[in-house]
Protein backbone atom coordinates (compact mmCIF):
# COMPACT_ATOMS: atom_id res chain seq x y z
CA UNK A 1 -24.81 -78.48 135.55
CA UNK A 2 -28.35 -76.85 135.72
CA UNK A 3 -29.59 -80.36 136.43
CA UNK A 4 -27.66 -81.06 139.30
CA UNK A 5 -28.03 -77.41 140.42
CA UNK A 6 -31.71 -77.57 140.37
CA UNK A 7 -31.57 -81.09 141.92
CA UNK A 8 -29.47 -79.94 144.97
CA UNK A 9 -31.96 -76.66 145.44
CA UNK A 10 -35.27 -78.85 145.06
CA UNK A 11 -33.85 -81.55 147.74
CA UNK A 12 -33.19 -78.55 150.63
CA UNK A 13 -36.59 -77.00 149.55
CA UNK A 14 -39.79 -77.43 151.47
CA UNK A 15 -42.55 -79.43 150.00
CA UNK A 16 -45.62 -77.41 149.01
CA UNK A 17 -48.05 -79.07 151.53
CA UNK A 18 -45.54 -77.80 154.44
CA UNK A 19 -44.37 -74.57 153.11
CA UNK A 20 -47.46 -72.78 153.75
CA UNK A 21 -46.96 -73.23 157.68
CA UNK A 22 -43.00 -73.14 157.38
CA UNK A 23 -43.06 -69.73 155.54
CA UNK A 24 -45.69 -68.13 157.92
CA UNK A 25 -44.87 -65.44 160.13
CA UNK A 26 -44.14 -66.84 163.88
CA UNK A 27 -47.27 -64.84 165.02
CA UNK A 28 -49.36 -66.57 162.45
CA UNK A 29 -48.01 -70.12 163.21
CA UNK A 30 -48.58 -69.38 167.15
CA UNK A 31 -52.09 -68.24 166.29
CA UNK A 32 -52.85 -71.37 164.29
CA UNK A 33 -51.35 -73.45 167.18
CA UNK A 34 -53.81 -72.08 169.49
CA UNK A 35 -56.87 -72.72 167.54
CA UNK A 36 -58.69 -75.54 168.97
CA UNK A 37 -60.00 -78.35 166.41
CA UNK A 38 -62.93 -80.50 166.27
CA UNK A 39 -61.97 -83.11 168.87
CA UNK A 40 -60.53 -80.59 171.05
CA UNK A 41 -63.38 -78.49 171.25
CA UNK A 42 -66.07 -81.49 171.27
CA UNK A 43 -64.18 -82.96 174.36
CA UNK A 44 -63.97 -79.69 176.21
CA UNK A 45 -67.71 -78.82 175.43
CA UNK A 46 -69.34 -82.42 175.99
CA UNK A 47 -68.22 -82.33 179.62
CA UNK A 48 -71.21 -82.25 181.56
CA UNK A 49 -73.31 -82.11 178.81
CA UNK A 50 -76.89 -83.63 179.58
CA UNK A 51 -79.60 -84.27 177.06
CA UNK A 52 -79.70 -84.07 173.40
CA UNK A 53 -79.85 -80.27 173.21
CA UNK A 54 -76.50 -79.87 174.94
CA UNK A 55 -74.67 -82.42 173.18
CA UNK A 56 -76.00 -81.12 169.68
CA UNK A 57 -74.64 -77.67 170.77
CA UNK A 58 -71.23 -79.27 171.79
CA UNK A 59 -71.28 -80.78 168.23
CA UNK A 60 -72.13 -77.46 166.61
CA UNK A 61 -69.18 -75.81 168.54
CA UNK A 62 -66.93 -78.53 167.60
CA UNK A 63 -67.69 -77.93 163.90
CA UNK A 64 -67.53 -74.18 164.21
CA UNK A 65 -64.16 -74.70 165.67
CA UNK A 66 -63.05 -77.04 162.77
CA UNK A 67 -64.35 -74.84 160.24
CA UNK A 68 -62.22 -71.59 161.68
CA UNK A 69 -59.14 -73.55 161.71
CA UNK A 70 -59.77 -74.67 158.07
CA UNK A 71 -60.45 -71.09 157.42
CA UNK A 72 -57.19 -70.12 158.78
CA UNK A 73 -55.14 -72.72 157.14
CA UNK A 74 -56.80 -71.66 153.60
CA UNK A 75 -55.66 -68.18 154.30
CA UNK A 76 -52.29 -69.21 154.81
CA UNK A 77 -51.95 -71.43 151.70
CA UNK A 78 -53.51 -68.43 149.71
CA UNK A 79 -50.83 -66.11 151.07
CA UNK A 80 -47.99 -68.34 150.14
CA UNK A 81 -49.49 -68.71 146.59
CA UNK A 82 -49.43 -64.91 146.61
CA UNK A 83 -45.77 -64.79 147.47
CA UNK A 84 -44.95 -67.37 144.82
CA UNK A 85 -46.50 -65.21 142.32
CA UNK A 86 -45.06 -61.98 143.41
CA UNK A 87 -41.80 -63.59 143.44
CA UNK A 88 -41.03 -63.30 146.97
CA UNK A 89 -40.48 -67.22 147.27
CA UNK A 90 -39.58 -69.51 144.36
CA UNK A 91 -41.01 -73.04 143.50
CA UNK A 92 -39.22 -75.57 141.74
CA UNK A 93 -40.96 -78.87 140.93
CA UNK A 94 -40.90 -81.90 138.32
CA UNK A 95 -42.89 -80.73 135.32
CA UNK A 96 -45.78 -83.30 134.40
CA UNK A 97 -47.36 -81.32 131.38
CA UNK A 98 -47.31 -80.65 128.59
CA UNK A 99 -43.96 -82.33 128.51
CA UNK A 100 -42.44 -84.32 131.59
CA UNK A 101 -39.25 -83.38 132.82
CA UNK A 102 -36.70 -85.92 134.30
CA UNK A 103 -35.29 -83.31 136.92
CA UNK A 104 -36.53 -80.34 138.76
CA UNK A 105 -37.36 -77.11 137.02
CA UNK A 106 -38.11 -73.64 138.14
CA UNK A 107 -41.83 -72.70 137.93
CA UNK A 108 -42.07 -69.27 136.78
CA UNK A 109 -44.00 -66.69 138.97
CA UNK A 110 -47.04 -66.19 136.62
CA UNK A 111 -48.15 -69.64 137.13
CA UNK A 112 -49.29 -68.95 140.36
CA UNK A 113 -51.81 -66.41 139.13
CA UNK A 114 -54.16 -69.15 138.54
CA UNK A 115 -52.72 -72.19 139.94
CA UNK A 116 -55.11 -74.79 141.57
CA UNK A 117 -52.90 -76.59 144.31
CA UNK A 118 -53.33 -80.02 145.75
CA UNK A 119 -51.76 -79.56 149.09
CA UNK A 120 -51.77 -83.01 149.89
CA UNK A 121 -49.82 -84.29 146.69
CA UNK A 122 -47.60 -81.19 146.52
CA UNK A 123 -48.92 -80.54 142.87
CA UNK A 124 -50.45 -77.90 140.86
CA UNK A 125 -52.06 -77.27 137.58
CA UNK A 126 -52.65 -73.87 135.42
CA UNK A 127 -52.58 -72.64 131.95
CA UNK A 128 -52.63 -76.23 130.73
CA UNK A 129 -49.59 -77.14 132.63
CA UNK A 130 -48.92 -79.19 135.66
CA UNK A 131 -46.06 -79.88 137.89
CA UNK A 132 -45.65 -82.33 140.85
CA UNK A 133 -43.17 -82.66 143.86
CA UNK A 134 -43.42 -79.13 143.92
CA UNK A 135 -40.95 -77.46 146.72
CA UNK A 136 -40.79 -73.83 147.73
CA UNK A 137 -37.82 -72.06 148.82
CA UNK A 138 -36.67 -68.32 149.46
CA UNK A 139 -33.92 -67.37 147.19
CA UNK A 140 -32.38 -64.98 149.61
CA UNK A 141 -31.41 -67.65 151.65
CA UNK A 142 -29.08 -69.24 148.93
CA UNK A 143 -25.60 -68.46 148.27
CA UNK A 144 -24.98 -66.04 145.35
CA UNK A 145 -23.40 -68.70 143.22
CA UNK A 146 -26.32 -71.10 143.87
CA UNK A 147 -29.30 -68.78 142.97
CA UNK A 148 -30.72 -69.64 139.59
CA UNK A 149 -30.13 -66.97 136.88
CA UNK A 150 -31.96 -66.15 133.78
CA UNK A 151 -29.09 -66.80 131.22
CA UNK A 152 -25.63 -66.05 131.74
CA UNK A 153 -24.70 -63.57 134.67
CA UNK A 154 -24.18 -60.52 132.48
CA UNK A 155 -27.32 -61.07 130.46
CA UNK A 156 -30.34 -58.69 130.55
CA UNK A 157 -32.58 -61.50 132.35
CA UNK A 158 -30.05 -62.56 135.03
CA UNK A 159 -29.45 -58.53 135.73
CA UNK A 160 -33.29 -57.78 135.64
CA UNK A 161 -34.09 -60.84 137.88
CA UNK A 162 -31.34 -59.64 140.34
CA UNK A 163 -32.83 -56.21 140.51
CA UNK A 164 -36.34 -57.69 141.17
CA UNK A 165 -34.95 -59.49 144.28
CA UNK A 166 -32.57 -56.79 145.46
CA UNK A 167 -35.40 -53.89 145.18
CA UNK A 168 -37.69 -56.08 146.92
CA UNK A 169 -35.28 -56.75 149.71
CA UNK A 170 -34.16 -53.07 150.08
CA UNK A 171 -36.69 -50.55 149.22
CA UNK A 172 -34.11 -47.95 149.57
CA UNK A 173 -31.77 -49.30 146.46
CA UNK A 174 -32.58 -46.20 144.72
CA UNK A 175 -31.28 -43.99 147.21
CA UNK A 176 -27.79 -45.49 146.98
CA UNK A 177 -25.01 -44.18 145.06
CA UNK A 178 -24.36 -45.75 141.39
CA UNK A 179 -21.42 -47.83 142.51
CA UNK A 180 -23.03 -49.19 145.53
CA UNK A 181 -26.07 -50.02 143.33
CA UNK A 182 -23.64 -51.94 140.81
CA UNK A 183 -21.69 -53.59 143.63
CA UNK A 184 -24.97 -54.99 144.92
CA UNK A 185 -25.95 -56.37 141.64
CA UNK A 186 -22.44 -57.69 141.20
CA UNK A 187 -22.72 -59.44 144.71
CA UNK A 188 -26.06 -61.12 144.24
CA UNK A 189 -24.95 -62.55 141.10
CA UNK A 190 -21.62 -63.57 142.43
CA UNK A 191 -19.81 -62.04 139.34
CA UNK A 192 -16.73 -59.49 139.55
CA UNK A 193 -16.14 -56.49 137.16
CA UNK A 194 -14.25 -57.94 134.74
CA UNK A 195 -13.72 -57.14 130.96
CA UNK A 196 -16.59 -58.95 128.96
CA UNK A 197 -18.69 -59.86 132.00
CA UNK A 198 -21.59 -57.28 131.75
CA UNK A 199 -20.80 -56.01 135.03
CA UNK A 200 -19.31 -52.68 134.17
CA UNK A 201 -20.83 -49.47 135.66
CA UNK A 202 -21.83 -48.48 132.18
CA UNK A 203 -23.83 -51.46 131.44
CA UNK A 204 -25.31 -51.97 134.85
CA UNK A 205 -26.45 -48.19 135.30
CA UNK A 206 -28.59 -48.88 131.71
CA UNK A 207 -30.73 -51.39 133.72
CA UNK A 208 -30.54 -49.51 137.02
CA UNK A 209 -32.16 -46.53 135.19
CA UNK A 210 -35.16 -48.43 134.22
CA UNK A 211 -35.99 -48.88 137.98
CA UNK A 212 -34.38 -45.60 139.29
CA UNK A 213 -34.95 -42.99 136.78
CA UNK A 214 -33.67 -40.25 139.01
CA UNK A 215 -32.08 -40.18 142.32
CA UNK A 216 -34.50 -39.78 145.22
CA UNK A 217 -33.79 -37.11 147.57
CA UNK A 218 -32.88 -38.13 151.03
CA UNK A 219 -34.87 -36.46 153.92
């Protein structure tokens, strides 16, 4: 079941080598698109150039433009790794080491604290582990019943994972009534409040209190 679900998610996710641009803000993509590269700058600067000094100057400006564009790309790539590390985005890939997986598996967020990424090969290594065919997605865009869960829906892992995402998406989560807070967790996990589901007000409140010890006073 998990195998089929992971494969479906992986196929619809964005390859690592494209994800840095795909998940960049519109303004960042627009700014990058306007940055000239080496050839564009050289062709512009070389027009009318006379003598070795002017040609050398055109080449220098071309190299400077190439360097500036490379720095901008690297900044967006680092930003993507930051978002994978803090859990804003999720990575799913085929594991190569220490053991090889036959289907896509999710990569834990901590991996990206030290990940050495190969953007051309869509791969990365860290902590003695390596993954290839890495794809990236935003978990918030998945239907509730398609989101990966840590354990059964009512387990501590699943509830805490849900709270991680919900509190990131809604900084005012702690201002909600306990009833509304619990319902948001149920909606996220796609589970109703039925006996034995772990979705009762009493059970969910134990986890909520760890994030929201006291209700915030609304201004």
